[in-house]
Amino acid sequence: MTAEDNKLHKHILAEFHTKIMAELEGLEKTHGIRILFAIESGSRAWGFPSPDSDYDVRFVYIRPLESYLTLNPPRDVVELPIDDLLDINGWDIKKALGLMLKSNPVLLEWLQSPIRYIWNEAACHDLKALAQKTANDRSCLHHYLNLGTRQRKIYIEGKSVVNLKKYFYVVRPAMAIRWLRMNPDILLPMNFHDLKSGIDLPDDLTSELDILLEKKSRSKELGQAEPIKLIDQFLDAEFIWAEKSVKECSKDKPDLTEDANKLFRAWIGR
């Protein structure tokens, strides 16, 4: 975690940590669940919040054993109504493991969040060990390619000025693609600064990203700027590479179903 991340984390602890923890504890009591981990997702954990960014809290939980041995299982998602400041929801461990077997990049990113509210070290060790076996394959590459190109088409293409938040929502998938080809055996970090430092970008591109990042940190959610040619060329290069690589990647992957089943049985048994 960088010095900037530490500063941000302390700010969250000072201003909202108490409220977030109270909400999480309330969910545990109301729904009879045990949260294994709860983290910050979204722009605050990514490292490029705006002054008025909300808090996106995500978690994975388990229920008592009997909840999994019923003909009418409860929902596999627990959530609170979204308001202007807090967006809190989580997945049952069974749902989480099922998505992990599909190399779901969202869950993999949650496990890499630099901002943690609840963190069961043993459970997260087991989840990350399984994640390491499923990460960085064709599914992840396909996810970031689709995410980046779709948002670019909606928010950037043909526009003389772009929303800074949406710009970074396109830049980040392109950086993730570059990470996947440069660091295929290392879990992709959620934090933008850690991601940027691990993909060997040219100095001029790094400077442009830093300038854009500074603008976003001082702008509200609707802050705008002109597109930057050097950044757009980077987007082109990464998306073109990913589109070609997805077609060439093998669809074969190891069957980790039994590994996930063992982890599932072990944790609901506790």
C-alpha atoms as a PDB file:
ATOM      1  CA  MET A   1       0.000   0.000   0.000  1.00  0.00           C
ATOM      2  CA  THR A   2       1.361   3.383  -0.981  1.00  0.00           C
ATOM      3  CA  ALA A   3       1.642   6.438   1.268  1.00  0.00           C
ATOM      4  CA  GLU A   4      -1.302   7.905  -0.640  1.00  0.00           C
ATOM      5  CA  ASP A   5      -3.383   4.803   0.046  1.00  0.00           C
ATOM      6  CA  ASN A   6      -2.532   4.987   3.747  1.00  0.00           C
ATOM      7  CA  LYS A   7      -3.630   8.604   3.830  1.00  0.00           C
ATOM      8  CA  LEU A   8      -6.908   7.708   2.139  1.00  0.00           C
ATOM      9  CA  HIS A   9      -7.476   4.738   4.450  1.00  0.00           C
ATOM     10  CA  LYS A  10      -6.971   6.925   7.529  1.00  0.00           C
ATOM     11  CA  HIS A  11      -9.457   9.416   6.132  1.00  0.00           C
ATOM     12  CA  ILE A  12     -12.055   6.666   5.734  1.00  0.00           C
ATOM     13  CA  LEU A  13     -11.370   5.415   9.247  1.00  0.00           C
ATOM     14  CA  ALA A  14     -11.751   8.905  10.674  1.00  0.00           C
ATOM     15  CA  GLU A  15     -14.919   9.877   8.813  1.00  0.00           C
ATOM     16  CA  PHE A  16     -16.902   6.747   7.959  1.00  0.00           C
ATOM     17  CA  HIS A  17     -15.342   3.657   9.492  1.00  0.00           C
ATOM     18  CA  THR A  18     -17.630   3.662  12.531  1.00  0.00           C
ATOM     19  CA  LYS A  19     -20.775   3.972  10.412  1.00  0.00           C
ATOM     20  CA  ILE A  20     -19.664   1.296   7.955  1.00  0.00           C
ATOM     21  CA  MET A  21     -18.756  -1.146  10.733  1.00  0.00           C
ATOM     22  CA  ALA A  22     -22.115  -0.535  12.435  1.00  0.00           C
ATOM     23  CA  GLU A  23     -23.939  -1.296   9.183  1.00  0.00           C
ATOM     24  CA  LEU A  24     -21.939  -4.497   8.661  1.00  0.00           C
ATOM     25  CA  GLU A  25     -22.552  -5.652  12.233  1.00  0.00           C
ATOM     26  CA  GLY A  26     -26.244  -4.903  11.787  1.00  0.00           C
ATOM     27  CA  LEU A  27     -26.343  -7.060   8.643  1.00  0.00           C
ATOM     28  CA  GLU A  28     -24.692  -9.945  10.503  1.00  0.00           C
ATOM     29  CA  LYS A  29     -27.336  -9.811  13.253  1.00  0.00           C
ATOM     30  CA  THR A  30     -30.339  -9.219  10.989  1.00  0.00           C
ATOM     31  CA  HIS A  31     -29.492 -11.939   8.474  1.00  0.00           C
ATOM     32  CA  GLY A  32     -27.735 -14.399  10.787  1.00  0.00           C
ATOM     33  CA  ILE A  33     -24.539 -14.321   8.728  1.00  0.00           C
ATOM     34  CA  ARG A  34     -20.829 -14.161   9.458  1.00  0.00           C
ATOM     35  CA  ILE A  35     -18.796 -11.854   7.242  1.00  0.00           C
ATOM     36  CA  LEU A  36     -15.457 -13.357   6.205  1.00  0.00           C
ATOM     37  CA  PHE A  37     -14.166 -10.161   4.638  1.00  0.00           C
ATOM     38  CA  ALA A  38     -15.495  -6.702   3.837  1.00  0.00           C
ATOM     39  CA  ILE A  39     -13.546  -4.275   1.707  1.00  0.00           C
ATOM     40  CA  GLU A  40     -13.796  -0.974  -0.147  1.00  0.00           C
ATOM     41  CA  SER A  41     -14.336  -1.264  -3.878  1.00  0.00           C
ATOM     42  CA  GLY A  42     -14.783   1.401  -6.521  1.00  0.00           C
ATOM     43  CA  SER A  43     -12.810   4.594  -6.975  1.00  0.00           C
ATOM     44  CA  ARG A  44     -11.637   4.938  -3.367  1.00  0.00           C
ATOM     45  CA  ALA A  45      -9.920   1.549  -3.394  1.00  0.00           C
ATOM     46  CA  TRP A  46      -8.789   2.029  -6.979  1.00  0.00           C
ATOM     47  CA  GLY A  47      -6.922   5.137  -5.841  1.00  0.00           C
ATOM     48  CA  PHE A  48      -8.680   7.850  -7.854  1.00  0.00           C
ATOM     49  CA  PRO A  49     -11.637   9.143  -5.784  1.00  0.00           C
ATOM     50  CA  SER A  50     -13.320  12.448  -6.395  1.00  0.00           C
ATOM     51  CA  PRO A  51     -13.991  14.789  -3.457  1.00  0.00           C
ATOM     52  CA  ASP A  52     -17.642  13.639  -3.429  1.00  0.00           C
ATOM     53  CA  SER A  53     -17.137   9.912  -4.132  1.00  0.00           C
ATOM     54  CA  ASP A  54     -19.400   7.540  -2.207  1.00  0.00           C
ATOM     55  CA  TYR A  55     -18.261   4.418  -0.349  1.00  0.00           C
ATOM     56  CA  ASP A  56     -18.628   1.066  -2.135  1.00  0.00           C
ATOM     57  CA  VAL A  57     -18.408  -1.691   0.490  1.00  0.00           C
ATOM     58  CA  ARG A  58     -18.369  -5.302  -0.699  1.00  0.00           C
ATOM     59  CA  PHE A  59     -18.201  -8.494   1.358  1.00  0.00           C
ATOM     60  CA  VAL A  60     -18.385 -12.284   1.355  1.00  0.00           C
ATOM     61  CA  TYR A  61     -20.245 -14.101   4.120  1.00  0.00           C
ATOM     62  CA  ILE A  62     -21.264 -17.547   5.369  1.00  0.00           C
ATOM     63  CA  ARG A  63     -24.507 -18.715   6.950  1.00  0.00           C
ATOM     64  CA  PRO A  64     -25.064 -21.422   9.575  1.00  0.00           C
ATOM     65  CA  LEU A  65     -24.690 -24.940   8.201  1.00  0.00           C
ATOM     66  CA  GLU A  66     -28.436 -25.676   8.255  1.00  0.00           C
ATOM     67  CA  SER A  67     -29.054 -22.794   5.847  1.00  0.00           C
ATOM     68  CA  TYR A  68     -27.252 -24.809   3.155  1.00  0.00           C
ATOM     69  CA  LEU A  69     -29.234 -27.986   3.918  1.00  0.00           C
ATOM     70  CA  THR A  70     -32.717 -26.798   3.054  1.00  0.00           C
ATOM     71  CA  LEU A  71     -35.093 -27.049   0.119  1.00  0.00           C
ATOM     72  CA  ASN A  72     -35.698 -23.306   0.322  1.00  0.00           C
ATOM     73  CA  PRO A  73     -32.278 -21.665   0.626  1.00  0.00           C
ATOM     74  CA  PRO A  74     -32.144 -17.931   1.347  1.00  0.00           C
ATOM     75  CA  ARG A  75     -30.947 -15.405  -1.244  1.00  0.00           C
ATOM     76  CA  ASP A  76     -27.235 -15.558  -1.979  1.00  0.00           C
ATOM     77  CA  VAL A  77     -26.911 -11.753  -1.840  1.00  0.00           C
ATOM     78  CA  VAL A  78     -27.271  -9.445   1.173  1.00  0.00           C
ATOM     79  CA  GLU A  79     -27.580  -5.720   0.571  1.00  0.00           C
ATOM     80  CA  LEU A  80     -28.619  -2.389   1.996  1.00  0.00           C
ATOM     81  CA  PRO A  81     -30.539   0.292   0.082  1.00  0.00           C
ATOM     82  CA  ILE A  82     -28.092   2.559  -1.727  1.00  0.00           C
ATOM     83  CA  ASP A  83     -27.926   6.170  -0.558  1.00  0.00           C
ATOM     84  CA  ASP A  84     -25.769   9.176  -1.480  1.00  0.00           C
ATOM     85  CA  LEU A  85     -22.829   8.007   0.659  1.00  0.00           C
ATOM     86  CA  LEU A  86     -22.992   4.245   1.129  1.00  0.00           C
ATOM     87  CA  ASP A  87     -23.389   1.328  -1.258  1.00  0.00           C
ATOM     88  CA  ILE A  88     -23.071  -1.905   0.752  1.00  0.00           C
ATOM     89  CA  ASN A  89     -23.720  -5.429  -0.514  1.00  0.00           C
ATOM     90  CA  GLY A  90     -22.180  -8.887  -0.373  1.00  0.00           C
ATOM     91  CA  TRP A  91     -22.253 -12.441  -1.682  1.00  0.00           C
ATOM     92  CA  ASP A  92     -22.744 -15.785   0.025  1.00  0.00           C
ATOM     93  CA  ILE A  93     -19.538 -17.845  -0.054  1.00  0.00           C
ATOM     94  CA  LYS A  94     -21.243 -20.434  -2.275  1.00  0.00           C
ATOM     95  CA  LYS A  95     -22.002 -17.781  -4.893  1.00  0.00           C
ATOM     96  CA  ALA A  96     -18.506 -16.318  -4.512  1.00  0.00           C
ATOM     97  CA  LEU A  97     -16.794 -19.667  -5.043  1.00  0.00           C
ATOM     98  CA  GLY A  98     -18.982 -20.464  -8.043  1.00  0.00           C
ATOM     99  CA  LEU A  99     -17.971 -17.190  -9.672  1.00  0.00           C
ATOM    100  CA  MET A 100     -14.342 -17.713  -8.743  1.00  0.00           C
ATOM    101  CA  LEU A 101     -14.340 -20.994 -10.653  1.00  0.00           C
ATOM    102  CA  LYS A 102     -15.305 -18.907 -13.679  1.00  0.00           C
ATOM    103  CA  SER A 103     -12.337 -16.577 -13.008  1.00  0.00           C
ATOM    104  CA  ASN A 104     -14.689 -13.758 -12.056  1.00  0.00           C
ATOM    105  CA  PRO A 105     -12.417 -10.690 -11.988  1.00  0.00           C
ATOM    106  CA  VAL A 106     -14.680  -8.752  -9.626  1.00  0.00           C
ATOM    107  CA  LEU A 107     -14.155 -11.197  -6.756  1.00  0.00           C
ATOM    108  CA  LEU A 108     -10.439 -11.440  -7.532  1.00  0.00           C
ATOM    109  CA  GLU A 109     -10.213  -7.654  -7.228  1.00  0.00           C
ATOM    110  CA  TRP A 110     -12.095  -7.634  -3.930  1.00  0.00           C
ATOM    111  CA  LEU A 111      -9.427  -9.909  -2.481  1.00  0.00           C
ATOM    112  CA  GLN A 112      -6.783  -7.384  -3.585  1.00  0.00           C
ATOM    113  CA  SER A 113      -8.437  -4.283  -2.141  1.00  0.00           C
ATOM    114  CA  PRO A 114      -6.045  -2.078  -0.135  1.00  0.00           C
ATOM    115  CA  ILE A 115      -8.893  -0.910   2.147  1.00  0.00           C
ATOM    116  CA  ARG A 116     -10.273  -3.574   4.473  1.00  0.00           C
ATOM    117  CA  TYR A 117     -13.055  -3.279   7.060  1.00  0.00           C
ATOM    118  CA  ILE A 118     -13.283  -6.956   8.079  1.00  0.00           C
ATOM    119  CA  TRP A 119     -10.604  -9.478   7.172  1.00  0.00           C
ATOM    120  CA  ASN A 120     -10.607 -13.071   8.423  1.00  0.00           C
ATOM    121  CA  GLU A 121      -6.985 -13.930   7.727  1.00  0.00           C
ATOM    122  CA  ALA A 122      -7.473 -17.709   7.524  1.00  0.00           C
ATOM    123  CA  ALA A 123     -10.512 -17.507   5.236  1.00  0.00           C
ATOM    124  CA  CYS A 124      -8.905 -14.932   2.964  1.00  0.00           C
ATOM    125  CA  HIS A 125      -5.715 -16.992   2.779  1.00  0.00           C
ATOM    126  CA  ASP A 126      -7.789 -19.945   1.524  1.00  0.00           C
ATOM    127  CA  LEU A 127      -9.756 -17.801  -0.940  1.00  0.00           C
ATOM    128  CA  LYS A 128      -6.642 -16.116  -2.338  1.00  0.00           C
ATOM    129  CA  ALA A 129      -4.890 -19.483  -2.737  1.00  0.00           C
ATOM    130  CA  LEU A 130      -7.793 -20.698  -4.865  1.00  0.00           C
ATOM    131  CA  ALA A 131      -7.981 -17.366  -6.699  1.00  0.00           C
ATOM    132  CA  GLN A 132      -4.331 -17.653  -7.645  1.00  0.00           C
ATOM    133  CA  LYS A 133      -5.141 -20.863  -9.525  1.00  0.00           C
ATOM    134  CA  THR A 134      -7.999 -19.289 -11.473  1.00  0.00           C
ATOM    135  CA  ALA A 135      -6.626 -15.802 -12.114  1.00  0.00           C
ATOM    136  CA  ASN A 136      -5.236 -14.209 -15.276  1.00  0.00           C
ATOM    137  CA  ASP A 137      -6.739 -16.627 -17.783  1.00  0.00           C
ATOM    138  CA  ARG A 138      -8.820 -16.052 -20.904  1.00  0.00           C
ATOM    139  CA  SER A 139     -11.924 -15.168 -18.861  1.00  0.00           C
ATOM    140  CA  CYS A 140     -10.168 -12.259 -17.158  1.00  0.00           C
ATOM    141  CA  LEU A 141      -8.758 -10.946 -20.423  1.00  0.00           C
ATOM    142  CA  HIS A 142     -12.185 -11.176 -22.045  1.00  0.00           C
ATOM    143  CA  HIS A 143     -13.781  -9.342 -19.094  1.00  0.00           C
ATOM    144  CA  TYR A 144     -11.424  -6.359 -19.204  1.00  0.00           C
ATOM    145  CA  LEU A 145     -11.573  -6.143 -22.995  1.00  0.00           C
ATOM    146  CA  ASN A 146     -15.377  -6.039 -22.992  1.00  0.00           C
ATOM    147  CA  LEU A 147     -15.502  -3.647 -20.053  1.00  0.00           C
ATOM    148  CA  GLY A 148     -13.008  -1.212 -21.549  1.00  0.00           C
ATOM    149  CA  THR A 149     -14.301  -1.186 -25.117  1.00  0.00           C
ATOM    150  CA  ARG A 150     -17.941  -0.931 -24.048  1.00  0.00           C
ATOM    151  CA  GLN A 151     -17.358   2.024 -21.745  1.00  0.00           C
ATOM    152  CA  ARG A 152     -15.096   3.701 -24.268  1.00  0.00           C
ATOM    153  CA  LYS A 153     -17.822   3.506 -26.899  1.00  0.00           C
ATOM    154  CA  ILE A 154     -20.419   4.948 -24.515  1.00  0.00           C
ATOM    155  CA  TYR A 155     -18.436   7.672 -22.748  1.00  0.00           C
ATOM    156  CA  ILE A 156     -15.443   8.680 -24.901  1.00  0.00           C
ATOM    157  CA  GLU A 157     -15.729   7.993 -28.620  1.00  0.00           C
ATOM    158  CA  GLY A 158     -16.692  11.066 -30.643  1.00  0.00           C
ATOM    159  CA  LYS A 159     -16.654  13.429 -27.661  1.00  0.00           C
ATOM    160  CA  SER A 160     -14.577  16.628 -27.459  1.00  0.00           C
ATOM    161  CA  VAL A 161     -14.709  16.565 -23.648  1.00  0.00           C
ATOM    162  CA  VAL A 162     -15.111  13.504 -21.419  1.00  0.00           C
ATOM    163  CA  ASN A 163     -16.130  12.848 -17.837  1.00  0.00           C
ATOM    164  CA  LEU A 164     -12.924  12.244 -15.850  1.00  0.00           C
ATOM    165  CA  LYS A 165     -14.465   9.424 -13.850  1.00  0.00           C
ATOM    166  CA  LYS A 166     -15.586   7.631 -17.003  1.00  0.00           C
ATOM    167  CA  TYR A 167     -12.188   8.235 -18.619  1.00  0.00           C
ATOM    168  CA  PHE A 168     -10.502   6.331 -15.812  1.00  0.00           C
ATOM    169  CA  TYR A 169     -13.144   3.626 -16.075  1.00  0.00           C
ATOM    170  CA  VAL A 170     -11.746   2.977 -19.565  1.00  0.00           C
ATOM    171  CA  VAL A 171      -8.058   3.528 -18.740  1.00  0.00           C
ATOM    172  CA  ARG A 172      -8.108   1.038 -15.885  1.00  0.00           C
ATOM    173  CA  PRO A 173      -9.270  -1.979 -17.967  1.00  0.00           C
ATOM    174  CA  ALA A 174      -6.546  -1.170 -20.523  1.00  0.00           C
ATOM    175  CA  MET A 175      -3.974  -1.147 -17.720  1.00  0.00           C
ATOM    176  CA  ALA A 176      -5.381  -4.422 -16.411  1.00  0.00           C
ATOM    177  CA  ILE A 177      -4.912  -5.969 -19.854  1.00  0.00           C
ATOM    178  CA  ARG A 178      -1.298  -4.824 -19.893  1.00  0.00           C
ATOM    179  CA  TRP A 179      -0.805  -6.344 -16.418  1.00  0.00           C
ATOM    180  CA  LEU A 180      -2.240  -9.683 -17.557  1.00  0.00           C
ATOM    181  CA  ARG A 181       0.304  -9.990 -20.354  1.00  0.00           C
ATOM    182  CA  MET A 182       3.273  -8.653 -18.366  1.00  0.00           C
ATOM    183  CA  ASN A 183       2.544 -10.420 -15.042  1.00  0.00           C
ATOM    184  CA  PRO A 184       0.589 -13.569 -15.924  1.00  0.00           C
ATOM    185  CA  ASP A 185       1.406 -15.330 -12.642  1.00  0.00           C
ATOM    186  CA  ILE A 186       0.621 -12.460 -10.258  1.00  0.00           C
ATOM    187  CA  LEU A 187      -2.852 -11.471  -9.071  1.00  0.00           C
ATOM    188  CA  LEU A 188      -3.876  -8.158 -10.569  1.00  0.00           C
ATOM    189  CA  PRO A 189      -3.882  -5.362  -7.945  1.00  0.00           C
ATOM    190  CA  MET A 190      -7.033  -3.328  -7.420  1.00  0.00           C
ATOM    191  CA  ASN A 191      -5.192  -0.090  -6.633  1.00  0.00           C
ATOM    192  CA  PHE A 192      -4.488   2.116  -9.664  1.00  0.00           C
ATOM    193  CA  HIS A 193      -1.043   3.235  -8.445  1.00  0.00           C
ATOM    194  CA  ASP A 194       0.119  -0.338  -7.792  1.00  0.00           C
ATOM    195  CA  LEU A 195      -1.253  -1.358 -11.177  1.00  0.00           C
ATOM    196  CA  LYS A 196       0.508   1.511 -12.937  1.00  0.00           C
ATOM    197  CA  SER A 197       3.856   0.853 -11.254  1.00  0.00           C
ATOM    198  CA  GLY A 198       3.822  -2.818 -12.283  1.00  0.00           C
ATOM    199  CA  ILE A 199       3.284  -2.494 -16.040  1.00  0.00           C
ATOM    200  CA  ASP A 200       6.338  -0.545 -17.236  1.00  0.00           C
ATOM    201  CA  LEU A 201       4.631   2.391 -18.944  1.00  0.00           C
ATOM    202  CA  PRO A 202       6.619   4.980 -20.939  1.00  0.00           C
ATOM    203  CA  ASP A 203       7.545   8.078 -18.940  1.00  0.00           C
ATOM    204  CA  ASP A 204       5.500  10.454 -21.100  1.00  0.00           C
ATOM    205  CA  LEU A 205       2.382   8.301 -20.712  1.00  0.00           C
ATOM    206  CA  THR A 206       2.944   8.033 -16.960  1.00  0.00           C
ATOM    207  CA  SER A 207       3.184  11.830 -16.742  1.00  0.00           C
ATOM    208  CA  GLU A 208      -0.068  12.284 -18.646  1.00  0.00           C
ATOM    209  CA  LEU A 209      -1.831   9.788 -16.371  1.00  0.00           C
ATOM    210  CA  ASP A 210      -0.495  11.540 -13.268  1.00  0.00           C
ATOM    211  CA  ILE A 211      -1.739  14.905 -14.538  1.00  0.00           C
ATOM    212  CA  LEU A 212      -5.157  13.454 -15.314  1.00  0.00           C
ATOM    213  CA  LEU A 213      -5.259  11.768 -11.912  1.00  0.00           C
ATOM    214  CA  GLU A 214      -4.504  15.065 -10.192  1.00  0.00           C
ATOM    215  CA  LYS A 215      -7.325  16.764 -12.113  1.00  0.00           C
ATOM    216  CA  LYS A 216      -9.762  14.069 -11.048  1.00  0.00           C
ATOM    217  CA  SER A 217      -8.740  14.299  -7.388  1.00  0.00           C
ATOM    218  CA  ARG A 218      -9.707  17.991  -7.438  1.00  0.00           C
ATOM    219  CA  SER A 219     -12.899  17.595  -9.474  1.00  0.00           C
ATOM    220  CA  LYS A 220     -16.321  16.422  -8.406  1.00  0.00           C
ATOM    221  CA  GLU A 221     -17.936  13.374  -9.960  1.00  0.00           C
ATOM    222  CA  LEU A 222     -19.006  15.371 -13.025  1.00  0.00           C
ATOM    223  CA  GLY A 223     -15.567  16.920 -13.696  1.00  0.00           C
ATOM    224  CA  GLN A 224     -14.557  16.961 -17.363  1.00  0.00           C
ATOM    225  CA  ALA A 225     -11.451  17.300 -19.544  1.00  0.00           C
ATOM    226  CA  GLU A 226     -10.408  16.958 -23.164  1.00  0.00           C
ATOM    227  CA  PRO A 227      -9.285  13.487 -24.298  1.00  0.00           C
ATOM    228  CA  ILE A 228      -5.509  13.038 -24.332  1.00  0.00           C
ATOM    229  CA  LYS A 229      -4.019  11.675 -27.552  1.00  0.00           C
ATOM    230  CA  LEU A 230      -1.226   9.709 -25.841  1.00  0.00           C
ATOM    231  CA  ILE A 231      -3.674   7.996 -23.503  1.00  0.00           C
ATOM    232  CA  ASP A 232      -6.070   7.215 -26.348  1.00  0.00           C
ATOM    233  CA  GLN A 233      -3.209   5.617 -28.308  1.00  0.00           C
ATOM    234  CA  PHE A 234      -2.463   3.462 -25.271  1.00  0.00           C
ATOM    235  CA  LEU A 235      -6.115   2.376 -25.143  1.00  0.00           C
ATOM    236  CA  ASP A 236      -6.012   1.474 -28.840  1.00  0.00           C
ATOM    237  CA  ALA A 237      -2.869  -0.622 -28.460  1.00  0.00           C
ATOM    238  CA  GLU A 238      -4.040  -2.604 -25.430  1.00  0.00           C
ATOM    239  CA  PHE A 239      -7.537  -3.295 -26.716  1.00  0.00           C
ATOM    240  CA  ILE A 240      -6.219  -4.402 -30.119  1.00  0.00           C
ATOM    241  CA  TRP A 241      -3.730  -6.746 -28.436  1.00  0.00           C
ATOM    242  CA  ALA A 242      -6.425  -8.175 -26.144  1.00  0.00           C
ATOM    243  CA  GLU A 243      -8.879  -8.740 -28.975  1.00  0.00           C
ATOM    244  CA  LYS A 244      -6.278 -10.763 -30.863  1.00  0.00           C
ATOM    245  CA  SER A 245      -5.094 -12.653 -27.767  1.00  0.00           C
ATOM    246  CA  VAL A 246      -8.599 -13.665 -26.656  1.00  0.00           C
ATOM    247  CA  LYS A 247      -9.058 -15.444 -29.970  1.00  0.00           C
ATOM    248  CA  GLU A 248      -5.725 -17.241 -29.610  1.00  0.00           C
ATOM    249  CA  CYS A 249      -5.991 -18.194 -25.916  1.00  0.00           C
ATOM    250  CA  SER A 250      -6.892 -21.749 -25.073  1.00  0.00           C
ATOM    251  CA  LYS A 251     -10.341 -22.199 -23.551  1.00  0.00           C
ATOM    252  CA  ASP A 252      -9.066 -25.125 -21.505  1.00  0.00           C
ATOM    253  CA  LYS A 253      -8.628 -24.553 -17.786  1.00  0.00           C
ATOM    254  CA  PRO A 254      -7.975 -26.856 -14.816  1.00  0.00           C
ATOM    255  CA  ASP A 255     -11.052 -28.234 -13.077  1.00  0.00           C
ATOM    256  CA  LEU A 256     -10.878 -26.776  -9.588  1.00  0.00           C
ATOM    257  CA  THR A 257     -14.398 -27.761  -8.556  1.00  0.00           C
ATOM    258  CA  GLU A 258     -13.237 -30.157  -5.848  1.00  0.00           C
ATOM    259  CA  ASP A 259     -10.800 -27.578  -4.460  1.00  0.00           C
ATOM    260  CA  ALA A 260     -13.689 -25.115  -4.170  1.00  0.00           C
ATOM    261  CA  ASN A 261     -15.950 -27.762  -2.631  1.00  0.00           C
ATOM    262  CA  LYS A 262     -13.372 -28.551   0.050  1.00  0.00           C
ATOM    263  CA  LEU A 263     -12.996 -24.873   0.894  1.00  0.00           C
ATOM    264  CA  PHE A 264     -16.779 -24.449   0.999  1.00  0.00           C
ATOM    265  CA  ARG A 265     -17.344 -27.453   3.255  1.00  0.00           C
ATOM    266  CA  ALA A 266     -14.523 -26.444   5.569  1.00  0.00           C
ATOM    267  CA  TRP A 267     -15.839 -22.925   6.165  1.00  0.00           C
ATOM    268  CA  ILE A 268     -19.561 -23.649   6.516  1.00  0.00           C
ATOM    269  CA  GLY A 269     -18.555 -26.406   8.948  1.00  0.00           C
ATOM    270  CA  ARG A 270     -16.959 -23.810  11.204  1.00  0.00           C
END
